[in-house]
Amino acid sequence: MDDEEVTKILSNDALRSILLDPKMQQVMEECASDGGGAGKLRYYMMHDDFGPKLRVLMNAGLLKVA
């Protein structure tokens, strides 16, 4: 990701808010860990608070499911 892409992402208030949210950072770390992975992502995708935010990141191309 180059500087221009980072600037574009951070200029989007919704994306910046999600990415800088400490709780969302913890969720993303859990989902990225070897121990949690897909099961954690499934859990958080159904969560009332985190699911919509994860979908925003997916729609922006910042979160991909393998």
C-alpha atoms as a PDB file:
ATOM      1  CA  MET A   1       0.000   0.000   0.000  1.00  0.00           C
ATOM      2  CA  ASP A   2       1.523   3.309  -0.995  1.00  0.00           C
ATOM      3  CA  ASP A   3       1.276   6.706   0.705  1.00  0.00           C
ATOM      4  CA  GLU A   4      -1.479   7.889  -1.641  1.00  0.00           C
ATOM      5  CA  GLU A   5      -3.691   4.920  -0.748  1.00  0.00           C
ATOM      6  CA  VAL A   6      -3.074   5.429   2.972  1.00  0.00           C
ATOM      7  CA  THR A   7      -3.947   9.130   2.668  1.00  0.00           C
ATOM      8  CA  LYS A   8      -7.145   8.286   0.785  1.00  0.00           C
ATOM      9  CA  ILE A   9      -8.189   5.757   3.437  1.00  0.00           C
ATOM     10  CA  LEU A  10      -7.421   8.074   6.340  1.00  0.00           C
ATOM     11  CA  SER A  11      -9.311  10.942   4.677  1.00  0.00           C
ATOM     12  CA  ASN A  12     -12.467   8.805   4.889  1.00  0.00           C
ATOM     13  CA  ASP A  13     -13.912   9.602   8.327  1.00  0.00           C
ATOM     14  CA  ALA A  14     -15.784   6.303   8.648  1.00  0.00           C
ATOM     15  CA  LEU A  15     -12.755   4.179   7.765  1.00  0.00           C
ATOM     16  CA  ARG A  16     -10.415   6.231   9.940  1.00  0.00           C
ATOM     17  CA  SER A  17     -12.792   5.936  12.893  1.00  0.00           C
ATOM     18  CA  ILE A  18     -13.032   2.149  12.536  1.00  0.00           C
ATOM     19  CA  LEU A  19      -9.295   1.653  12.046  1.00  0.00           C
ATOM     20  CA  LEU A  20      -8.364   3.833  15.024  1.00  0.00           C
ATOM     21  CA  ASP A  21     -10.937   2.298  17.385  1.00  0.00           C
ATOM     22  CA  PRO A  22      -8.996   0.289  20.018  1.00  0.00           C
ATOM     23  CA  LYS A  23     -11.791  -2.299  20.310  1.00  0.00           C
ATOM     24  CA  MET A  24     -11.823  -2.824  16.547  1.00  0.00           C
ATOM     25  CA  GLN A  25      -8.042  -3.148  16.550  1.00  0.00           C
ATOM     26  CA  GLN A  26      -8.363  -5.898  19.154  1.00  0.00           C
ATOM     27  CA  VAL A  27     -11.062  -7.640  17.083  1.00  0.00           C
ATOM     28  CA  MET A  28      -8.892  -7.509  13.956  1.00  0.00           C
ATOM     29  CA  GLU A  29      -5.875  -8.841  15.876  1.00  0.00           C
ATOM     30  CA  GLU A  30      -7.939 -11.749  17.214  1.00  0.00           C
ATOM     31  CA  CYS A  31      -9.255 -12.576  13.752  1.00  0.00           C
ATOM     32  CA  ALA A  32      -5.752 -12.423  12.278  1.00  0.00           C
ATOM     33  CA  SER A  33      -4.211 -14.685  14.917  1.00  0.00           C
ATOM     34  CA  ASP A  34      -3.450 -18.309  14.182  1.00  0.00           C
ATOM     35  CA  GLY A  35      -5.526 -19.440  17.153  1.00  0.00           C
ATOM     36  CA  GLY A  36      -8.727 -17.507  16.400  1.00  0.00           C
ATOM     37  CA  GLY A  37      -8.984 -17.100  12.675  1.00  0.00           C
ATOM     38  CA  ALA A  38     -12.170 -17.922  10.807  1.00  0.00           C
ATOM     39  CA  GLY A  39     -14.190 -18.869  13.872  1.00  0.00           C
ATOM     40  CA  LYS A  40     -13.537 -15.513  15.520  1.00  0.00           C
ATOM     41  CA  LEU A  41     -14.303 -13.658  12.297  1.00  0.00           C
ATOM     42  CA  ARG A  42     -17.626 -15.500  11.979  1.00  0.00           C
ATOM     43  CA  TYR A  43     -18.461 -14.599  15.568  1.00  0.00           C
ATOM     44  CA  TYR A  44     -17.622 -10.914  15.110  1.00  0.00           C
ATOM     45  CA  MET A  45     -19.410 -10.702  11.740  1.00  0.00           C
ATOM     46  CA  MET A  46     -22.641 -11.597  13.556  1.00  0.00           C
ATOM     47  CA  HIS A  47     -21.948  -9.179  16.434  1.00  0.00           C
ATOM     48  CA  ASP A  48     -24.285  -6.156  16.507  1.00  0.00           C
ATOM     49  CA  ASP A  49     -21.476  -3.619  16.957  1.00  0.00           C
ATOM     50  CA  PHE A  50     -18.533  -5.166  15.136  1.00  0.00           C
ATOM     51  CA  GLY A  51     -20.268  -6.865  12.196  1.00  0.00           C
ATOM     52  CA  PRO A  52     -21.290  -3.676  10.387  1.00  0.00           C
ATOM     53  CA  LYS A  53     -17.836  -2.175  10.905  1.00  0.00           C
ATOM     54  CA  LEU A  54     -16.128  -5.287   9.559  1.00  0.00           C
ATOM     55  CA  ARG A  55     -18.400  -5.163   6.500  1.00  0.00           C
ATOM     56  CA  VAL A  56     -17.392  -1.525   5.900  1.00  0.00           C
ATOM     57  CA  LEU A  57     -13.740  -2.606   5.933  1.00  0.00           C
ATOM     58  CA  MET A  58     -14.514  -5.499   3.572  1.00  0.00           C
ATOM     59  CA  ASN A  59     -16.389  -3.231   1.155  1.00  0.00           C
ATOM     60  CA  ALA A  60     -13.437  -0.837   1.161  1.00  0.00           C
ATOM     61  CA  GLY A  61     -11.072  -3.714   0.352  1.00  0.00           C
ATOM     62  CA  LEU A  62      -9.233  -3.422   3.676  1.00  0.00           C
ATOM     63  CA  LEU A  63     -10.343  -6.784   5.019  1.00  0.00           C
ATOM     64  CA  LYS A  64     -10.369  -9.959   2.988  1.00  0.00           C
ATOM     65  CA  VAL A  65     -11.457 -13.462   3.879  1.00  0.00           C
ATOM     66  CA  ALA A  66      -9.343 -16.243   2.432  1.00  0.00           C
END
